[in-house]
C-alpha atoms as a PDB file:
ATOM      1  CA  MET A   1      -7.767  17.224  -7.299  1.00  0.00           C
ATOM      2  CA  SER A   2      -7.149  19.631  -4.413  1.00  0.00           C
ATOM      3  CA  SER A   3      -3.596  20.758  -3.827  1.00  0.00           C
ATOM      4  CA  PRO A   4      -1.829  20.058  -0.504  1.00  0.00           C
ATOM      5  CA  GLN A   5      -2.041  23.801   0.186  1.00  0.00           C
ATOM      6  CA  GLU A   6      -5.830  23.811  -0.217  1.00  0.00           C
ATOM      7  CA  LYS A   7      -6.196  20.732   2.001  1.00  0.00           C
ATOM      8  CA  SER A   8      -4.125  22.381   4.715  1.00  0.00           C
ATOM      9  CA  TRP A   9      -6.251  25.537   4.545  1.00  0.00           C
ATOM     10  CA  ARG A  10      -9.423  23.486   4.905  1.00  0.00           C
ATOM     11  CA  ALA A  11      -7.875  21.967   8.027  1.00  0.00           C
ATOM     12  CA  GLY A  12      -8.036  25.438   9.585  1.00  0.00           C
ATOM     13  CA  ARG A  13      -4.617  26.907   9.029  1.00  0.00           C
ATOM     14  CA  PHE A  14      -2.418  28.273   6.290  1.00  0.00           C
ATOM     15  CA  TRP A  15      -0.207  25.674   4.659  1.00  0.00           C
ATOM     16  CA  TRP A  16       2.952  27.611   5.509  1.00  0.00           C
ATOM     17  CA  ASP A  17       2.121  27.343   9.223  1.00  0.00           C
ATOM     18  CA  CYS A  18       2.449  23.536   9.258  1.00  0.00           C
ATOM     19  CA  SER A  19       5.491  23.468  11.498  1.00  0.00           C
ATOM     20  CA  GLN A  20       6.998  25.526  14.263  1.00  0.00           C
ATOM     21  CA  PRO A  21      10.641  25.669  15.314  1.00  0.00           C
ATOM     22  CA  ASP A  22      11.521  22.718  17.513  1.00  0.00           C
ATOM     23  CA  THR A  23      13.881  23.500  20.381  1.00  0.00           C
ATOM     24  CA  SER A  24      13.892  19.993  21.893  1.00  0.00           C
ATOM     25  CA  PRO A  25      17.188  18.077  22.217  1.00  0.00           C
ATOM     26  CA  HIS A  26      15.912  15.605  19.614  1.00  0.00           C
ATOM     27  CA  PRO A  27      13.823  17.565  17.106  1.00  0.00           C
ATOM     28  CA  LEU A  28      11.626  15.577  14.756  1.00  0.00           C
ATOM     29  CA  ARG A  29      13.397  15.547  11.401  1.00  0.00           C
ATOM     30  CA  ALA A  30      11.764  12.648   9.548  1.00  0.00           C
ATOM     31  CA  LEU A  31       8.840  10.238   9.492  1.00  0.00           C
ATOM     32  CA  ILE A  32       9.337   6.611   8.512  1.00  0.00           C
ATOM     33  CA  LEU A  33       6.290   4.448   7.890  1.00  0.00           C
ATOM     34  CA  ASP A  34       6.136   0.753   7.218  1.00  0.00           C
ATOM     35  CA  LEU A  35       3.790  -0.655   4.608  1.00  0.00           C
ATOM     36  CA  ASP A  36       1.425  -2.058   7.243  1.00  0.00           C
ATOM     37  CA  ALA A  37       0.899   1.461   8.606  1.00  0.00           C
ATOM     38  CA  LEU A  38      -0.199   2.702   5.186  1.00  0.00           C
ATOM     39  CA  SER A  39      -2.931   0.126   4.658  1.00  0.00           C
ATOM     40  CA  ASN A  40      -4.232  -3.162   6.033  1.00  0.00           C
ATOM     41  CA  ILE A  41      -1.884  -5.215   3.857  1.00  0.00           C
ATOM     42  CA  ASP A  42      -2.339  -8.430   5.821  1.00  0.00           C
ATOM     43  CA  VAL A  43      -6.125  -8.676   5.783  1.00  0.00           C
ATOM     44  CA  ASP A  44      -6.870  -6.955   2.479  1.00  0.00           C
ATOM     45  CA  GLY A  45      -3.766  -8.134   0.642  1.00  0.00           C
ATOM     46  CA  HIS A  46      -2.066 -11.302   1.854  1.00  0.00           C
ATOM     47  CA  ARG A  47      -5.333 -12.958   2.924  1.00  0.00           C
ATOM     48  CA  VAL A  48      -6.906 -12.410  -0.495  1.00  0.00           C
ATOM     49  CA  VAL A  49      -3.887 -13.803  -2.328  1.00  0.00           C
ATOM     50  CA  PHE A  50      -3.747 -16.844  -0.042  1.00  0.00           C
ATOM     51  CA  ASN A  51      -7.381 -17.582  -0.878  1.00  0.00           C
ATOM     52  CA  ALA A  52      -6.464 -17.485  -4.560  1.00  0.00           C
ATOM     53  CA  ALA A  53      -3.536 -19.848  -3.884  1.00  0.00           C
ATOM     54  CA  PHE A  54      -5.813 -22.318  -2.088  1.00  0.00           C
ATOM     55  CA  ALA A  55      -8.156 -22.256  -5.080  1.00  0.00           C
ATOM     56  CA  ALA A  56      -5.240 -22.806  -7.460  1.00  0.00           C
ATOM     57  CA  HIS A  57      -4.445 -26.013  -5.561  1.00  0.00           C
ATOM     58  CA  GLY A  58      -8.080 -27.125  -5.672  1.00  0.00           C
ATOM     59  CA  LEU A  59      -8.545 -26.730  -1.916  1.00  0.00           C
ATOM     60  CA  PRO A  60     -11.935 -25.676  -0.488  1.00  0.00           C
ATOM     61  CA  ILE A  61     -10.369 -23.131   1.869  1.00  0.00           C
ATOM     62  CA  GLN A  62     -11.290 -19.456   1.999  1.00  0.00           C
ATOM     63  CA  TRP A  63      -9.924 -17.461   4.913  1.00  0.00           C
ATOM     64  CA  GLY A  64     -12.390 -14.948   6.295  1.00  0.00           C
ATOM     65  CA  VAL A  65     -11.211 -11.839   8.123  1.00  0.00           C
ATOM     66  CA  ALA A  66     -11.887 -13.244  11.604  1.00  0.00           C
ATOM     67  CA  ARG A  67     -10.108 -16.534  10.917  1.00  0.00           C
ATOM     68  CA  TYR A  68      -7.131 -14.791   9.352  1.00  0.00           C
ATOM     69  CA  ARG A  69      -6.769 -12.501  12.364  1.00  0.00           C
ATOM     70  CA  GLN A  70      -6.645 -15.598  14.582  1.00  0.00           C
ATOM     71  CA  LEU A  71      -3.899 -17.083  12.436  1.00  0.00           C
ATOM     72  CA  LEU A  72      -1.822 -13.908  12.634  1.00  0.00           C
ATOM     73  CA  ALA A  73      -0.851 -15.072  16.131  1.00  0.00           C
ATOM     74  CA  LEU A  74       1.442 -17.438  14.203  1.00  0.00           C
ATOM     75  CA  HIS A  75       4.167 -15.168  12.849  1.00  0.00           C
ATOM     76  CA  ASP A  76       5.167 -17.411   9.946  1.00  0.00           C
ATOM     77  CA  GLU A  77       2.957 -17.808   6.849  1.00  0.00           C
ATOM     78  CA  ARG A  78       3.934 -21.449   6.469  1.00  0.00           C
ATOM     79  CA  GLN A  79       2.838 -22.152  10.055  1.00  0.00           C
ATOM     80  CA  ARG A  80      -0.539 -20.551   9.345  1.00  0.00           C
ATOM     81  CA  VAL A  81      -1.125 -22.669   6.255  1.00  0.00           C
ATOM     82  CA  THR A  82       0.022 -25.853   8.009  1.00  0.00           C
ATOM     83  CA  ALA A  83      -2.274 -25.131  10.969  1.00  0.00           C
ATOM     84  CA  GLU A  84      -5.220 -24.644   8.626  1.00  0.00           C
ATOM     85  CA  LEU A  85      -4.521 -27.869   6.708  1.00  0.00           C
ATOM     86  CA  ARG A  86      -4.324 -29.862   9.930  1.00  0.00           C
ATOM     87  CA  LYS A  87      -7.458 -28.244  11.370  1.00  0.00           C
ATOM     88  CA  ARG A  88      -9.467 -29.195   8.290  1.00  0.00           C
ATOM     89  CA  CYS A  89      -7.767 -32.587   7.874  1.00  0.00           C
ATOM     90  CA  VAL A  90      -6.787 -31.567   4.346  1.00  0.00           C
ATOM     91  CA  GLY A  91      -3.972 -33.412   2.614  1.00  0.00           C
ATOM     92  CA  PRO A  92      -2.160 -36.626   3.475  1.00  0.00           C
ATOM     93  CA  ASP A  93      -2.044 -38.048   6.968  1.00  0.00           C
ATOM     94  CA  CYS A  94       1.742 -37.846   7.067  1.00  0.00           C
ATOM     95  CA  ASP A  95       2.936 -34.636   8.723  1.00  0.00           C
ATOM     96  CA  VAL A  96       5.895 -34.415   6.367  1.00  0.00           C
ATOM     97  CA  LEU A  97       3.642 -34.507   3.303  1.00  0.00           C
ATOM     98  CA  THR A  98       1.285 -31.967   4.868  1.00  0.00           C
ATOM     99  CA  GLU A  99       4.238 -29.632   5.341  1.00  0.00           C
ATOM    100  CA  VAL A 100       5.277 -30.198   1.728  1.00  0.00           C
ATOM    101  CA  LEU A 101       1.778 -29.182   0.623  1.00  0.00           C
ATOM    102  CA  ALA A 102       1.994 -26.095   2.838  1.00  0.00           C
ATOM    103  CA  ASP A 103       5.304 -25.190   1.185  1.00  0.00           C
ATOM    104  CA  GLU A 104       3.743 -25.553  -2.263  1.00  0.00           C
ATOM    105  CA  ILE A 105       0.811 -23.332  -1.300  1.00  0.00           C
ATOM    106  CA  CYS A 106       3.161 -20.661   0.055  1.00  0.00           C
ATOM    107  CA  MET A 107       5.246 -20.782  -3.121  1.00  0.00           C
ATOM    108  CA  THR A 108       2.110 -20.368  -5.224  1.00  0.00           C
ATOM    109  CA  LYS A 109       1.006 -17.466  -3.053  1.00  0.00           C
ATOM    110  CA  ASP A 110       4.392 -15.758  -3.449  1.00  0.00           C
ATOM    111  CA  MET A 111       4.212 -16.084  -7.236  1.00  0.00           C
ATOM    112  CA  MET A 112       0.656 -14.747  -7.341  1.00  0.00           C
ATOM    113  CA  PHE A 113       1.277 -11.905  -4.891  1.00  0.00           C
ATOM    114  CA  ASP A 114       3.313  -9.722  -7.259  1.00  0.00           C
ATOM    115  CA  GLU A 115       0.597 -10.015  -9.906  1.00  0.00           C
ATOM    116  CA  MET A 116      -2.406  -9.504  -7.621  1.00  0.00           C
ATOM    117  CA  ILE A 117      -1.428  -6.999  -4.937  1.00  0.00           C
ATOM    118  CA  LEU A 118      -1.748  -3.869  -7.090  1.00  0.00           C
ATOM    119  CA  ASP A 119      -5.273  -4.914  -8.104  1.00  0.00           C
ATOM    120  CA  ALA A 120      -6.398  -5.882  -4.592  1.00  0.00           C
ATOM    121  CA  GLY A 121      -8.169  -2.567  -4.019  1.00  0.00           C
ATOM    122  CA  LEU A 122      -6.049  -1.567  -1.031  1.00  0.00           C
ATOM    123  CA  THR A 123      -6.954   1.798   0.467  1.00  0.00           C
ATOM    124  CA  PRO A 124      -4.896   4.138   2.683  1.00  0.00           C
ATOM    125  CA  ARG A 125      -5.729   4.219   6.362  1.00  0.00           C
ATOM    126  CA  PRO A 126      -7.977   7.152   7.328  1.00  0.00           C
ATOM    127  CA  GLY A 127      -6.003  10.358   7.877  1.00  0.00           C
ATOM    128  CA  LEU A 128      -2.799   9.115   6.231  1.00  0.00           C
ATOM    129  CA  GLU A 129      -3.034  11.579   3.360  1.00  0.00           C
ATOM    130  CA  ASP A 130      -3.361  14.543   5.738  1.00  0.00           C
ATOM    131  CA  LEU A 131      -0.273  13.558   7.731  1.00  0.00           C
ATOM    132  CA  VAL A 132       1.871  13.013   4.644  1.00  0.00           C
ATOM    133  CA  ASN A 133       0.744  16.361   3.213  1.00  0.00           C
ATOM    134  CA  ASP A 134       1.607  18.043   6.527  1.00  0.00           C
ATOM    135  CA  ALA A 135       5.113  16.603   6.399  1.00  0.00           C
ATOM    136  CA  PHE A 136       5.596  17.534   2.741  1.00  0.00           C
ATOM    137  CA  LEU A 137       4.528  21.134   3.278  1.00  0.00           C
ATOM    138  CA  ALA A 138       6.745  21.430   6.360  1.00  0.00           C
ATOM    139  CA  GLY A 139       9.755  20.098   4.453  1.00  0.00           C
ATOM    140  CA  LEU A 140       9.929  17.029   6.706  1.00  0.00           C
ATOM    141  CA  PRO A 141      11.088  14.000   4.698  1.00  0.00           C
ATOM    142  CA  VAL A 142       8.972  10.842   4.693  1.00  0.00           C
ATOM    143  CA  GLY A 143      10.350   7.357   4.125  1.00  0.00           C
ATOM    144  CA  VAL A 144       8.583   4.027   3.654  1.00  0.00           C
ATOM    145  CA  VAL A 145      10.032   0.615   4.514  1.00  0.00           C
ATOM    146  CA  ALA A 146       8.630  -2.693   3.305  1.00  0.00           C
ATOM    147  CA  ALA A 147       9.494  -6.348   3.832  1.00  0.00           C
ATOM    148  CA  GLY A 148       8.850  -6.976   0.145  1.00  0.00           C
ATOM    149  CA  ARG A 149      10.300  -6.498  -3.322  1.00  0.00           C
ATOM    150  CA  ARG A 150      10.702  -3.081  -4.925  1.00  0.00           C
ATOM    151  CA  ARG A 151       8.920  -4.124  -8.118  1.00  0.00           C
ATOM    152  CA  TRP A 152       5.536  -4.077  -6.368  1.00  0.00           C
ATOM    153  CA  THR A 153       6.270  -1.942  -3.298  1.00  0.00           C
ATOM    154  CA  GLU A 154       7.014   1.311  -5.136  1.00  0.00           C
ATOM    155  CA  PRO A 155       3.874   1.272  -7.309  1.00  0.00           C
ATOM    156  CA  LEU A 156       1.795   0.319  -4.262  1.00  0.00           C
ATOM    157  CA  VAL A 157       3.196   3.254  -2.270  1.00  0.00           C
ATOM    158  CA  ARG A 158       2.344   5.582  -5.166  1.00  0.00           C
ATOM    159  CA  GLN A 159      -1.129   4.054  -5.271  1.00  0.00           C
ATOM    160  CA  LEU A 160      -1.689   4.662  -1.553  1.00  0.00           C
ATOM    161  CA  ILE A 161       0.066   8.016  -1.057  1.00  0.00           C
ATOM    162  CA  GLY A 162       0.600   9.597  -4.461  1.00  0.00           C
ATOM    163  CA  ASP A 163       3.623  10.772  -6.409  1.00  0.00           C
ATOM    164  CA  GLY A 164       6.368  12.996  -5.074  1.00  0.00           C
ATOM    165  CA  LEU A 165       5.491  12.896  -1.369  1.00  0.00           C
ATOM    166  CA  VAL A 166       7.838  10.116  -0.243  1.00  0.00           C
ATOM    167  CA  GLU A 167      11.566  10.784  -0.147  1.00  0.00           C
ATOM    168  CA  THR A 168      12.721   7.166  -0.101  1.00  0.00           C
ATOM    169  CA  VAL A 169      11.299   3.642  -0.278  1.00  0.00           C
ATOM    170  CA  VAL A 170      13.456   0.892   1.243  1.00  0.00           C
ATOM    171  CA  THR A 171      12.700  -2.750   0.446  1.00  0.00           C
ATOM    172  CA  THR A 172      14.297  -6.154   0.877  1.00  0.00           C
ATOM    173  CA  ASP A 173      16.146  -5.470  -2.384  1.00  0.00           C
ATOM    174  CA  ASP A 174      18.197  -2.858  -0.507  1.00  0.00           C
ATOM    175  CA  VAL A 175      19.302  -4.777   2.588  1.00  0.00           C
ATOM    176  CA  SER A 176      20.888  -8.129   3.349  1.00  0.00           C
ATOM    177  CA  ALA A 177      18.327  -8.885   6.058  1.00  0.00           C
ATOM    178  CA  PRO A 178      14.892  -7.382   6.780  1.00  0.00           C
ATOM    179  CA  GLY A 179      13.838  -6.132  10.187  1.00  0.00           C
ATOM    180  CA  ALA A 180      15.646  -3.255  11.865  1.00  0.00           C
ATOM    181  CA  GLU A 181      18.058  -3.027   8.925  1.00  0.00           C
ATOM    182  CA  LEU A 182      15.247  -1.630   6.761  1.00  0.00           C
ATOM    183  CA  TYR A 183      14.830   1.275   9.179  1.00  0.00           C
ATOM    184  CA  ARG A 184      18.572   1.847   9.523  1.00  0.00           C
ATOM    185  CA  HIS A 185      18.878   2.010   5.745  1.00  0.00           C
ATOM    186  CA  ALA A 186      15.999   4.496   5.510  1.00  0.00           C
ATOM    187  CA  LEU A 187      17.561   6.667   8.224  1.00  0.00           C
ATOM    188  CA  ALA A 188      20.869   6.660   6.355  1.00  0.00           C
ATOM    189  CA  GLU A 189      19.186   7.646   3.091  1.00  0.00           C
ATOM    190  CA  LEU A 190      17.332  10.484   4.815  1.00  0.00           C
ATOM    191  CA  GLY A 191      20.459  11.573   6.689  1.00  0.00           C
ATOM    192  CA  VAL A 192      18.913  11.571  10.161  1.00  0.00           C
ATOM    193  CA  ALA A 193      19.673   9.763  13.407  1.00  0.00           C
ATOM    194  CA  GLY A 194      17.223   7.281  14.887  1.00  0.00           C
ATOM    195  CA  HIS A 195      16.271   9.535  17.803  1.00  0.00           C
ATOM    196  CA  ASP A 196      15.390  12.346  15.382  1.00  0.00           C
ATOM    197  CA  ALA A 197      12.815  10.298  13.451  1.00  0.00           C
ATOM    198  CA  LEU A 198       9.413   8.881  14.343  1.00  0.00           C
ATOM    199  CA  ALA A 199       8.261   5.511  13.026  1.00  0.00           C
ATOM    200  CA  MET A 200       4.662   4.672  12.144  1.00  0.00           C
ATOM    201  CA  VAL A 201       4.226   0.908  12.136  1.00  0.00           C
ATOM    202  CA  GLY A 202       1.305  -1.443  11.621  1.00  0.00           C
ATOM    203  CA  SER A 203       2.359  -4.344  13.834  1.00  0.00           C
ATOM    204  CA  ALA A 204       4.223  -5.293  17.000  1.00  0.00           C
ATOM    205  CA  THR A 205       6.963  -6.717  14.774  1.00  0.00           C
ATOM    206  CA  GLY A 206       7.375  -3.352  13.077  1.00  0.00           C
ATOM    207  CA  LEU A 207       7.521  -1.687  16.480  1.00  0.00           C
ATOM    208  CA  ARG A 208      10.370  -3.977  17.560  1.00  0.00           C
ATOM    209  CA  ASN A 209      12.224  -3.357  14.310  1.00  0.00           C
ATOM    210  CA  ALA A 210      11.934   0.417  14.663  1.00  0.00           C
ATOM    211  CA  ASP A 211      13.144   0.193  18.263  1.00  0.00           C
ATOM    212  CA  GLY A 212      16.099  -1.874  17.058  1.00  0.00           C
ATOM    213  CA  ALA A 213      17.060   1.059  14.847  1.00  0.00           C
ATOM    214  CA  GLY A 214      16.869   3.471  17.791  1.00  0.00           C
ATOM    215  CA  MET A 215      13.533   5.004  16.825  1.00  0.00           C
ATOM    216  CA  ALA A 216      10.410   5.850  18.777  1.00  0.00           C
ATOM    217  CA  GLY A 217       7.364   4.247  17.185  1.00  0.00           C
ATOM    218  CA  VAL A 218       3.605   4.771  16.978  1.00  0.00           C
ATOM    219  CA  LEU A 219       1.561   1.593  16.490  1.00  0.00           C
ATOM    220  CA  ILE A 220      -1.241   1.974  13.940  1.00  0.00           C
ATOM    221  CA  ASP A 221      -3.508  -1.012  14.495  1.00  0.00           C
ATOM    222  CA  PRO A 222      -7.309  -0.931  14.897  1.00  0.00           C
ATOM    223  CA  ASN A 223      -7.193  -4.294  16.669  1.00  0.00           C
ATOM    224  CA  ALA A 224      -4.466  -3.480  19.194  1.00  0.00           C
ATOM    225  CA  GLY A 225      -5.238  -2.729  22.815  1.00  0.00           C
ATOM    226  CA  ALA A 226      -5.048   0.695  24.389  1.00  0.00           C
ATOM    227  CA  ALA A 227      -1.348   0.195  25.081  1.00  0.00           C
ATOM    228  CA  ALA A 228       1.539  -1.716  23.591  1.00  0.00           C
ATOM    229  CA  PRO A 229       4.936  -2.189  25.252  1.00  0.00           C
ATOM    230  CA  GLY A 230       7.459   0.171  23.724  1.00  0.00           C
ATOM    231  CA  ALA A 231       4.970   2.241  21.707  1.00  0.00           C
ATOM    232  CA  VAL A 232       4.855   6.026  21.882  1.00  0.00           C
ATOM    233  CA  ALA A 233       1.120   5.714  21.247  1.00  0.00           C
ATOM    234  CA  VAL A 234      -1.385   3.219  19.862  1.00  0.00           C
ATOM    235  CA  ARG A 235      -3.886   4.450  17.302  1.00  0.00           C
ATOM    236  CA  PRO A 236      -6.485   2.702  15.115  1.00  0.00           C
ATOM    237  CA  ASP A 237      -5.561   5.028  12.231  1.00  0.00           C
ATOM    238  CA  PHE A 238      -4.394   8.598  11.590  1.00  0.00           C
ATOM    239  CA  ALA A 239      -7.844  10.239  11.778  1.00  0.00           C
ATOM    240  CA  GLY A 240     -10.370  10.919  14.525  1.00  0.00           C
ATOM    241  CA  ALA A 241     -11.088  13.797  16.876  1.00  0.00           C
ATOM    242  CA  ASP A 242      -7.425  13.845  17.945  1.00  0.00           C
ATOM    243  CA  ALA A 243      -6.025  13.236  14.478  1.00  0.00           C
ATOM    244  CA  LEU A 244      -2.421  12.163  14.128  1.00  0.00           C
ATOM    245  CA  ARG A 245      -1.246  15.251  12.255  1.00  0.00           C
ATOM    246  CA  LEU A 246       2.294  16.601  12.225  1.00  0.00           C
ATOM    247  CA  PRO A 247       1.963  18.741  15.406  1.00  0.00           C
ATOM    248  CA  ALA A 248       0.724  15.661  17.289  1.00  0.00           C
ATOM    249  CA  CYS A 249       3.676  13.644  15.978  1.00  0.00           C
ATOM    250  CA  GLN A 250       6.094  16.346  17.095  1.00  0.00           C
ATOM    251  CA  ARG A 251       4.505  16.430  20.546  1.00  0.00           C
ATOM    252  CA  LEU A 252       4.597  12.635  20.966  1.00  0.00           C
ATOM    253  CA  HIS A 253       8.201  12.486  19.775  1.00  0.00           C
ATOM    254  CA  THR A 254       9.300  15.245  22.162  1.00  0.00           C
ATOM    255  CA  GLN A 255       7.495  13.675  25.129  1.00  0.00           C
ATOM    256  CA  TRP A 256       8.965  10.234  24.418  1.00  0.00           C
ATOM    257  CA  TRP A 257      12.573  11.416  24.466  1.00  0.00           C
ATOM    258  CA  ALA A 258      12.024  13.879  27.327  1.00  0.00           C
ATOM    259  CA  GLN A 259      10.915  10.951  29.498  1.00  0.00           C
ATOM    260  CA  ARG A 260      14.129   9.136  28.621  1.00  0.00           C
ATOM    261  CA  SER A 261      16.575  11.972  29.160  1.00  0.00           C
ATOM    262  CA  PRO A 262      18.972  11.805  32.144  1.00  0.00           C
ATOM    263  CA  THR A 263      17.245  14.815  33.730  1.00  0.00           C
ATOM    264  CA  ALA A 264      13.890  12.996  33.676  1.00  0.00           C
ATOM    265  CA  ALA A 265      15.156  10.378  36.120  1.00  0.00           C
END
């Protein structure tokens, strides 16, 4: 396996040139990524486990990618399952009993998720490895936040990124409530203020949570539009002609806060 130094040299520069001194009022001092930014957890993870849960209940339901993306407009998993049961006229006529069945399916899915997610074949988003290596070689700490349990989150992060490149992993085991608190906890562990870190998130919910912790955020979503309210930038992944490498992150972070300084008014 190539070392981070060799990968950086192939990118057209020496590995020790990864970063330059930052003289901005809010220099970039950390990157915090949520799990959805690392990989397509919803489509390639949760969807697959839900299909297994439907089968475990003897239901002839298999969510395809297109259908699952439609259901993501409903922010609650239970609502998605209930909507699907009603659409297919599956289960009893009584709404209460249909909701009970939806609860049972969600409980089954939760129990199966821990066992299945590490074998789901999840892959990192294109370009993620290059960005994390950039940060590591520049001495910029990287944190990961996840609205899930540590017992499967940590091994999944290692699976997607590798060992020794992430400074901290914050999960629902570490906070009393998910959401912005995950990011605040990660900032505290890394010892940086919100305005000195850049978040990489995979959903509009993650973007709101990062903003709630005082962070600028980049939305990584191949299905998002060209713009998203409150996002520093919207990207399908970390690769491409204008790859989201560390210098690009530093530039976006500096521009975001420069536009919000009192002198920019």
